[in-house]
PDB file of N, CA and C in Angstrom:
ATOM      1  N   MET A   1     147.530 -45.191  -9.180  1.00  0.00           N
ATOM      2  CA  MET A   1     146.530 -46.259  -8.946  1.00  0.00           C
ATOM      3  C   MET A   1     145.245 -46.315  -8.360  1.00  0.00           C
ATOM      4  N   GLN A   2     145.159 -45.688  -6.868  1.00  0.00           N
ATOM      5  CA  GLN A   2     144.235 -45.057  -6.341  1.00  0.00           C
ATOM      6  C   GLN A   2     143.396 -44.346  -6.974  1.00  0.00           C
ATOM      7  N   ALA A   3     143.835 -42.738  -7.770  1.00  0.00           N
ATOM      8  CA  ALA A   3     142.954 -42.089  -8.253  1.00  0.00           C
ATOM      9  C   ALA A   3     142.361 -42.941  -9.391  1.00  0.00           C
ATOM     10  N   MET A   4     142.947 -43.828 -10.207  1.00  0.00           N
ATOM     11  CA  MET A   4     142.194 -44.474 -11.145  1.00  0.00           C
ATOM     12  C   MET A   4     141.122 -45.494 -10.441  1.00  0.00           C
ATOM     13  N   LYS A   5     141.289 -46.148  -9.578  1.00  0.00           N
ATOM     14  CA  LYS A   5     139.995 -46.844  -8.872  1.00  0.00           C
ATOM     15  C   LYS A   5     139.196 -45.981  -8.623  1.00  0.00           C
ATOM     16  N   ARG A   6     139.056 -44.621  -7.711  1.00  0.00           N
ATOM     17  CA  ARG A   6     138.144 -43.495  -7.622  1.00  0.00           C
ATOM     18  C   ARG A   6     137.368 -43.142  -8.758  1.00  0.00           C
ATOM     19  N   LEU A   7     138.193 -43.105  -9.843  1.00  0.00           N
ATOM     20  CA  LEU A   7     137.501 -42.154 -11.005  1.00  0.00           C
ATOM     21  C   LEU A   7     136.595 -43.210 -11.628  1.00  0.00           C
ATOM     22  N   LEU A   8     137.239 -45.212 -11.535  1.00  0.00           N
ATOM     23  CA  LEU A   8     136.319 -46.031 -12.259  1.00  0.00           C
ATOM     24  C   LEU A   8     134.841 -45.907 -11.221  1.00  0.00           C
ATOM     25  N   TRP A   9     135.371 -46.023  -9.973  1.00  0.00           N
ATOM     26  CA  TRP A   9     133.900 -45.751  -9.090  1.00  0.00           C
ATOM     27  C   TRP A   9     132.748 -45.004  -9.188  1.00  0.00           C
ATOM     28  N   LEU A  10     133.621 -43.665  -9.165  1.00  0.00           N
ATOM     29  CA  LEU A  10     132.710 -42.406  -9.806  1.00  0.00           C
ATOM     30  C   LEU A  10     131.920 -42.548 -11.086  1.00  0.00           C
ATOM     31  N   LEU A  11     132.589 -43.052 -12.125  1.00  0.00           N
ATOM     32  CA  LEU A  11     132.270 -43.488 -13.043  1.00  0.00           C
ATOM     33  C   LEU A  11     131.027 -44.505 -13.313  1.00  0.00           C
ATOM     34  N   GLY A  12     131.280 -45.275 -12.366  1.00  0.00           N
ATOM     35  CA  GLY A  12     130.050 -46.580 -12.170  1.00  0.00           C
ATOM     36  C   GLY A  12     128.761 -46.167 -11.476  1.00  0.00           C
ATOM     37  N   VAL A  13     129.271 -45.020 -10.366  1.00  0.00           N
ATOM     38  CA  VAL A  13     127.962 -44.515  -9.834  1.00  0.00           C
ATOM     39  C   VAL A  13     127.085 -43.514 -10.775  1.00  0.00           C
ATOM     40  N   ILE A  14     127.344 -42.974 -11.472  1.00  0.00           N
ATOM     41  CA  ILE A  14     127.505 -42.069 -12.701  1.00  0.00           C
ATOM     42  C   ILE A  14     126.289 -42.872 -13.618  1.00  0.00           C
ATOM     43  N   ALA A  15     126.837 -43.982 -14.256  1.00  0.00           N
ATOM     44  CA  ALA A  15     126.219 -45.028 -14.844  1.00  0.00           C
ATOM     45  C   ALA A  15     125.303 -45.457 -14.200  1.00  0.00           C
ATOM     46  N   PHE A  16     125.257 -45.833 -13.159  1.00  0.00           N
ATOM     47  CA  PHE A  16     124.370 -46.348 -12.501  1.00  0.00           C
ATOM     48  C   PHE A  16     122.987 -45.269 -12.240  1.00  0.00           C
ATOM     49  N   ALA A  17     123.328 -44.127 -11.757  1.00  0.00           N
ATOM     50  CA  ALA A  17     122.179 -43.682 -11.275  1.00  0.00           C
ATOM     51  C   ALA A  17     121.747 -42.920 -12.966  1.00  0.00           C
ATOM     52  N   TYR A  18     122.569 -42.668 -14.037  1.00  0.00           N
ATOM     53  CA  TYR A  18     122.058 -42.756 -15.341  1.00  0.00           C
ATOM     54  C   TYR A  18     120.822 -43.775 -15.598  1.00  0.00           C
ATOM     55  N   PHE A  19     121.405 -44.464 -15.715  1.00  0.00           N
ATOM     56  CA  PHE A  19     120.550 -45.858 -15.946  1.00  0.00           C
ATOM     57  C   PHE A  19     118.940 -45.911 -15.180  1.00  0.00           C
ATOM     58  N   ALA A  20     119.322 -45.832 -13.837  1.00  0.00           N
ATOM     59  CA  ALA A  20     118.104 -45.170 -12.738  1.00  0.00           C
ATOM     60  C   ALA A  20     117.124 -44.628 -13.416  1.00  0.00           C
ATOM     61  N   VAL A  21     117.314 -43.467 -13.550  1.00  0.00           N
ATOM     62  CA  VAL A  21     116.297 -42.511 -13.976  1.00  0.00           C
ATOM     63  C   VAL A  21     116.031 -42.480 -15.419  1.00  0.00           C
ATOM     64  N   THR A  22     116.822 -43.042 -16.414  1.00  0.00           N
ATOM     65  CA  THR A  22     116.722 -43.021 -17.940  1.00  0.00           C
ATOM     66  C   THR A  22     115.970 -44.535 -18.547  1.00  0.00           C
ATOM     67  N   VAL A  23     116.188 -45.559 -17.861  1.00  0.00           N
ATOM     68  CA  VAL A  23     116.172 -46.707 -18.240  1.00  0.00           C
ATOM     69  C   VAL A  23     114.662 -47.266 -18.053  1.00  0.00           C
ATOM     70  N   PRO A  24     113.489 -47.440 -18.396  1.00  0.00           N
ATOM     71  CA  PRO A  24     112.009 -48.023 -18.151  1.00  0.00           C
ATOM     72  C   PRO A  24     112.518 -49.531 -17.765  1.00  0.00           C
ATOM     73  N   ILE A  25     111.548 -49.927 -16.486  1.00  0.00           N
ATOM     74  CA  ILE A  25     111.810 -51.593 -16.029  1.00  0.00           C
ATOM     75  C   ILE A  25     110.161 -51.697 -16.131  1.00  0.00           C
ATOM     76  N   GLY A  26     109.883 -51.905 -17.069  1.00  0.00           N
ATOM     77  CA  GLY A  26     108.213 -52.088 -17.073  1.00  0.00           C
ATOM     78  C   GLY A  26     107.557 -50.708 -17.023  1.00  0.00           C
ATOM     79  N   LYS A  27     106.568 -50.491 -16.524  1.00  0.00           N
ATOM     80  CA  LYS A  27     106.074 -48.868 -16.887  1.00  0.00           C
ATOM     81  C   LYS A  27     106.716 -47.732 -16.183  1.00  0.00           C
ATOM     82  N   HIS A  28     107.371 -47.927 -15.248  1.00  0.00           N
ATOM     83  CA  HIS A  28     108.503 -46.891 -15.086  1.00  0.00           C
ATOM     84  C   HIS A  28     110.255 -47.249 -14.831  1.00  0.00           C
ATOM     85  N   THR A  29     110.976 -46.212 -14.691  1.00  0.00           N
ATOM     86  CA  THR A  29     112.190 -46.570 -14.216  1.00  0.00           C
ATOM     87  C   THR A  29     112.598 -46.871 -12.708  1.00  0.00           C
ATOM     88  N   LEU A  30     113.591 -47.452 -12.656  1.00  0.00           N
ATOM     89  CA  LEU A  30     114.002 -47.776 -11.073  1.00  0.00           C
ATOM     90  C   LEU A  30     113.657 -46.824 -10.449  1.00  0.00           C
ATOM     91  N   TRP A  31     113.996 -45.492 -10.689  1.00  0.00           N
ATOM     92  CA  TRP A  31     113.916 -44.190  -9.341  1.00  0.00           C
ATOM     93  C   TRP A  31     112.285 -44.258  -9.477  1.00  0.00           C
ATOM     94  N   GLY A  32     111.696 -44.004 -10.569  1.00  0.00           N
ATOM     95  CA  GLY A  32     109.978 -44.311 -10.397  1.00  0.00           C
ATOM     96  C   GLY A  32     109.566 -45.347  -9.605  1.00  0.00           C
ATOM     97  N   HIS A  33     109.829 -46.965  -9.617  1.00  0.00           N
ATOM     98  CA  HIS A  33     109.136 -47.463  -8.925  1.00  0.00           C
ATOM     99  C   HIS A  33     109.984 -47.235  -7.669  1.00  0.00           C
ATOM    100  N   ALA A  34     111.096 -46.807  -7.174  1.00  0.00           N
ATOM    101  CA  ALA A  34     111.461 -46.708  -5.914  1.00  0.00           C
ATOM    102  C   ALA A  34     110.704 -45.545  -5.204  1.00  0.00           C
ATOM    103  N   VAL A  35     110.146 -44.064  -6.001  1.00  0.00           N
ATOM    104  CA  VAL A  35     109.209 -43.436  -5.607  1.00  0.00           C
ATOM    105  C   VAL A  35     107.624 -43.969  -5.478  1.00  0.00           C
ATOM    106  N   ARG A  36     107.525 -44.476  -5.732  1.00  0.00           N
ATOM    107  CA  ARG A  36     106.335 -44.969  -6.030  1.00  0.00           C
ATOM    108  C   ARG A  36     105.624 -46.088  -4.075  1.00  0.00           C
ATOM    109  N   ILE A  37     107.205 -47.159  -4.330  1.00  0.00           N
ATOM    110  CA  ILE A  37     107.409 -47.789  -3.158  1.00  0.00           C
ATOM    111  C   ILE A  37     107.292 -46.602  -2.032  1.00  0.00           C
ATOM    112  N   ALA A  38     108.015 -46.015  -2.031  1.00  0.00           N
ATOM    113  CA  ALA A  38     108.358 -45.048  -0.735  1.00  0.00           C
ATOM    114  C   ALA A  38     106.996 -44.206  -0.392  1.00  0.00           C
ATOM    115  N   LYS A  39     105.712 -44.125  -1.273  1.00  0.00           N
ATOM    116  CA  LYS A  39     104.976 -43.288  -1.007  1.00  0.00           C
ATOM    117  C   LYS A  39     103.639 -44.215  -0.229  1.00  0.00           C
ATOM    118  N   THR A  40     104.191 -45.275  -0.629  1.00  0.00           N
ATOM    119  CA  THR A  40     102.764 -46.436  -0.056  1.00  0.00           C
ATOM    120  C   THR A  40     102.875 -46.018   1.573  1.00  0.00           C
ATOM    121  N   PRO A  41     101.912 -46.639   2.419  1.00  0.00           N
ATOM    122  CA  PRO A  41     101.237 -46.194   3.535  1.00  0.00           C
ATOM    123  C   PRO A  41     102.238 -47.293   4.711  1.00  0.00           C
ATOM    124  N   GLU A  42     102.514 -48.551   4.082  1.00  0.00           N
ATOM    125  CA  GLU A  42     103.476 -49.537   4.490  1.00  0.00           C
ATOM    126  C   GLU A  42     104.929 -48.745   4.645  1.00  0.00           C
ATOM    127  N   ALA A  43     105.706 -47.812   3.988  1.00  0.00           N
ATOM    128  CA  ALA A  43     106.768 -47.427   4.059  1.00  0.00           C
ATOM    129  C   ALA A  43     106.767 -46.159   4.480  1.00  0.00           C
ATOM    130  N   LYS A  44     105.698 -45.294   4.576  1.00  0.00           N
ATOM    131  CA  LYS A  44     105.711 -44.362   5.776  1.00  0.00           C
ATOM    132  C   LYS A  44     105.628 -44.702   7.036  1.00  0.00           C
ATOM    133  N   GLU A  45     104.843 -45.787   7.338  1.00  0.00           N
ATOM    134  CA  GLU A  45     104.514 -46.583   8.901  1.00  0.00           C
ATOM    135  C   GLU A  45     106.158 -47.106   9.238  1.00  0.00           C
ATOM    136  N   LEU A  46     106.769 -47.794   8.124  1.00  0.00           N
ATOM    137  CA  LEU A  46     108.065 -47.792   8.648  1.00  0.00           C
ATOM    138  C   LEU A  46     108.774 -46.903   8.749  1.00  0.00           C
ATOM    139  N   ALA A  47     108.939 -45.653   8.224  1.00  0.00           N
ATOM    140  CA  ALA A  47     109.603 -44.593   8.530  1.00  0.00           C
ATOM    141  C   ALA A  47     109.510 -43.794   9.493  1.00  0.00           C
ATOM    142  N   ASP A  48     108.061 -43.926  10.023  1.00  0.00           N
ATOM    143  CA  ASP A  48     107.475 -43.537  11.152  1.00  0.00           C
ATOM    144  C   ASP A  48     108.056 -44.310  12.730  1.00  0.00           C
ATOM    145  N   GLY A  49     108.039 -45.577  12.260  1.00  0.00           N
ATOM    146  CA  GLY A  49     108.505 -46.400  13.376  1.00  0.00           C
ATOM    147  C   GLY A  49     109.716 -46.365  13.552  1.00  0.00           C
ATOM    148  N   ALA A  50     110.927 -46.012  12.666  1.00  0.00           N
ATOM    149  CA  ALA A  50     112.110 -46.091  12.596  1.00  0.00           C
ATOM    150  C   ALA A  50     112.710 -44.768  13.588  1.00  0.00           C
ATOM    151  N   LYS A  51     111.598 -43.608  13.084  1.00  0.00           N
ATOM    152  CA  LYS A  51     112.129 -42.364  13.604  1.00  0.00           C
ATOM    153  C   LYS A  51     111.762 -42.285  15.118  1.00  0.00           C
ATOM    154  N   GLU A  52     110.663 -42.965  15.331  1.00  0.00           N
ATOM    155  CA  GLU A  52     110.231 -42.930  16.869  1.00  0.00           C
ATOM    156  C   GLU A  52     111.495 -44.157  17.639  1.00  0.00           C
ATOM    157  N   THR A  53     111.838 -45.479  17.051  1.00  0.00           N
ATOM    158  CA  THR A  53     112.752 -45.903  17.514  1.00  0.00           C
ATOM    159  C   THR A  53     114.309 -45.207  17.684  1.00  0.00           C
ATOM    160  N   ALA A  54     114.536 -44.567  16.560  1.00  0.00           N
ATOM    161  CA  ALA A  54     115.761 -43.346  16.844  1.00  0.00           C
ATOM    162  C   ALA A  54     115.621 -42.608  17.726  1.00  0.00           C
ATOM    163  N   ARG A  55     114.561 -41.988  18.164  1.00  0.00           N
ATOM    164  CA  ARG A  55     114.245 -40.832  19.181  1.00  0.00           C
ATOM    165  C   ARG A  55     114.215 -41.171  20.388  1.00  0.00           C
ATOM    166  N   ASP A  56     114.021 -42.524  20.811  1.00  0.00           N
ATOM    167  CA  ASP A  56     114.064 -43.058  21.876  1.00  0.00           C
ATOM    168  C   ASP A  56     115.406 -43.536  22.056  1.00  0.00           C
ATOM    169  N   ALA A  57     116.164 -44.008  21.312  1.00  0.00           N
ATOM    170  CA  ALA A  57     117.370 -44.288  21.609  1.00  0.00           C
ATOM    171  C   ALA A  57     118.330 -43.208  21.733  1.00  0.00           C
ATOM    172  N   ALA A  58     118.164 -42.166  21.428  1.00  0.00           N
ATOM    173  CA  ALA A  58     118.907 -40.929  21.187  1.00  0.00           C
ATOM    174  C   ALA A  58     118.637 -40.436  22.852  1.00  0.00           C
ATOM    175  N   ARG A  59     117.180 -40.339  23.119  1.00  0.00           N
ATOM    176  CA  ARG A  59     117.254 -40.104  24.458  1.00  0.00           C
ATOM    177  C   ARG A  59     117.553 -40.753  25.438  1.00  0.00           C
ATOM    178  N   LYS A  60     117.658 -42.429  25.430  1.00  0.00           N
ATOM    179  CA  LYS A  60     118.497 -43.074  26.418  1.00  0.00           C
ATOM    180  C   LYS A  60     119.550 -42.535  26.494  1.00  0.00           C
ATOM    181  N   ALA A  61     120.325 -42.480  25.311  1.00  0.00           N
ATOM    182  CA  ALA A  61     121.780 -42.313  25.324  1.00  0.00           C
ATOM    183  C   ALA A  61     122.108 -41.117  26.051  1.00  0.00           C
ATOM    184  N   GLN A  62     121.261 -40.218  25.891  1.00  0.00           N
ATOM    185  CA  GLN A  62     121.696 -39.129  26.234  1.00  0.00           C
ATOM    186  C   GLN A  62     121.250 -38.946  27.669  1.00  0.00           C
ATOM    187  N   GLN A  63     120.217 -39.939  28.464  1.00  0.00           N
ATOM    188  CA  GLN A  63     119.887 -39.793  29.671  1.00  0.00           C
ATOM    189  C   GLN A  63     121.194 -40.587  30.572  1.00  0.00           C
ATOM    190  N   GLU A  64     121.725 -41.541  29.487  1.00  0.00           N
ATOM    191  CA  GLU A  64     122.856 -42.303  30.206  1.00  0.00           C
ATOM    192  C   GLU A  64     123.867 -41.330  30.535  1.00  0.00           C
ATOM    193  N   LEU A  65     124.444 -40.645  29.372  1.00  0.00           N
ATOM    194  CA  LEU A  65     125.650 -39.677  29.274  1.00  0.00           C
ATOM    195  C   LEU A  65     125.319 -38.202  30.544  1.00  0.00           C
ATOM    196  N   ASP A  66     123.912 -38.111  30.597  1.00  0.00           N
ATOM    197  CA  ASP A  66     123.757 -37.286  31.775  1.00  0.00           C
ATOM    198  C   ASP A  66     124.448 -37.564  32.834  1.00  0.00           C
ATOM    199  N   SER A  67     123.414 -39.165  33.356  1.00  0.00           N
ATOM    200  CA  SER A  67     124.254 -39.804  34.316  1.00  0.00           C
ATOM    201  C   SER A  67     124.987 -39.902  34.692  1.00  0.00           C
ATOM    202  N   ALA A  68     125.639 -40.343  33.676  1.00  0.00           N
ATOM    203  CA  ALA A  68     127.118 -40.420  34.216  1.00  0.00           C
ATOM    204  C   ALA A  68     127.992 -39.635  34.555  1.00  0.00           C
ATOM    205  N   SER A  69     127.703 -38.092  33.897  1.00  0.00           N
ATOM    206  CA  SER A  69     128.404 -37.083  34.106  1.00  0.00           C
ATOM    207  C   SER A  69     128.288 -36.745  35.441  1.00  0.00           C
ATOM    208  N   SER A  70     127.095 -36.930  36.099  1.00  0.00           N
ATOM    209  CA  SER A  70     126.962 -36.353  37.047  1.00  0.00           C
ATOM    210  C   SER A  70     127.263 -36.943  38.206  1.00  0.00           C
ATOM    211  N   THR A  71     127.398 -38.678  37.749  1.00  0.00           N
ATOM    212  CA  THR A  71     127.779 -39.573  39.223  1.00  0.00           C
ATOM    213  C   THR A  71     129.731 -39.854  39.212  1.00  0.00           C
ATOM    214  N   LYS A  72     130.170 -39.254  38.072  1.00  0.00           N
ATOM    215  CA  LYS A  72     131.911 -39.002  37.848  1.00  0.00           C
ATOM    216  C   LYS A  72     132.549 -37.775  38.456  1.00  0.00           C
ATOM    217  N   PRO A  73     133.097 -38.076  39.369  1.00  0.00           N
ATOM    218  CA  PRO A  73     133.978 -37.016  40.132  1.00  0.00           C
ATOM    219  C   PRO A  73     134.557 -36.218  38.923  1.00  0.00           C
ATOM    220  N   ALA A  74     134.972 -34.840  38.423  1.00  0.00           N
ATOM    221  CA  ALA A  74     135.659 -33.974  37.487  1.00  0.00           C
ATOM    222  C   ALA A  74     137.130 -34.540  37.313  1.00  0.00           C
ATOM    223  N   GLN A  75     137.738 -35.137  36.295  1.00  0.00           N
ATOM    224  CA  GLN A  75     139.008 -35.376  36.676  1.00  0.00           C
ATOM    225  C   GLN A  75     139.731 -34.284  36.098  1.00  0.00           C
ATOM    226  N   ALA A  76     141.061 -33.784  37.129  1.00  0.00           N
ATOM    227  CA  ALA A  76     141.767 -32.625  36.685  1.00  0.00           C
ATOM    228  C   ALA A  76     142.832 -32.867  35.934  1.00  0.00           C
ATOM    229  N   VAL A  77     142.469 -32.033  34.887  1.00  0.00           N
ATOM    230  CA  VAL A  77     143.862 -31.924  33.857  1.00  0.00           C
ATOM    231  C   VAL A  77     144.666 -31.365  34.212  1.00  0.00           C
ATOM    232  N   PRO A  78     145.708 -31.821  34.160  1.00  0.00           N
ATOM    233  CA  PRO A  78     147.488 -31.324  34.415  1.00  0.00           C
ATOM    234  C   PRO A  78     147.464 -29.839  33.795  1.00  0.00           C
ATOM    235  N   ALA A  79     148.103 -28.887  34.362  1.00  0.00           N
ATOM    236  CA  ALA A  79     148.719 -27.948  33.840  1.00  0.00           C
ATOM    237  C   ALA A  79     149.870 -28.060  32.578  1.00  0.00           C
ATOM    238  N   ALA A  80     149.653 -27.228  31.790  1.00  0.00           N
ATOM    239  CA  ALA A  80     150.562 -27.287  30.764  1.00  0.00           C
ATOM    240  C   ALA A  80     151.974 -26.652  31.297  1.00  0.00           C
ATOM    241  N   THR A  81     153.119 -27.353  31.351  1.00  0.00           N
ATOM    242  CA  THR A  81     154.150 -26.657  31.498  1.00  0.00           C
ATOM    243  C   THR A  81     155.323 -26.074  30.636  1.00  0.00           C
ATOM    244  N   LYS A  82     155.549 -24.985  31.444  1.00  0.00           N
ATOM    245  CA  LYS A  82     156.501 -24.235  30.372  1.00  0.00           C
ATOM    246  C   LYS A  82     157.967 -24.271  30.336  1.00  0.00           C
ATOM    247  N   PRO A  83     158.786 -24.837  29.198  1.00  0.00           N
ATOM    248  CA  PRO A  83     159.819 -24.851  29.456  1.00  0.00           C
ATOM    249  C   PRO A  83     160.470 -23.694  29.435  1.00  0.00           C
ATOM    250  N   GLU A  84     161.454 -23.909  30.853  1.00  0.00           N
ATOM    251  CA  GLU A  84     162.485 -22.667  30.846  1.00  0.00           C
ATOM    252  C   GLU A  84     163.487 -22.797  30.565  1.00  0.00           C
TER     253      GLU A  84
END
């Protein structure tokens, strides 16, 4: 049953992709509209802002991890015992 659901889902994705690149909606296909929108200055500005925010968040997370690891004492890991 699970395999059938996955197969139907995959067929739906394939059908959507096919129609997105072949069926015109006005002058362009869905894919063509998406590409034209992505090339606008506003979309590029949005992408640049998102990248900058992600870099800031990653930098802050790295600093917090570094400060947390330098303030915590290392925990001793118990040695594995061998059965005798």
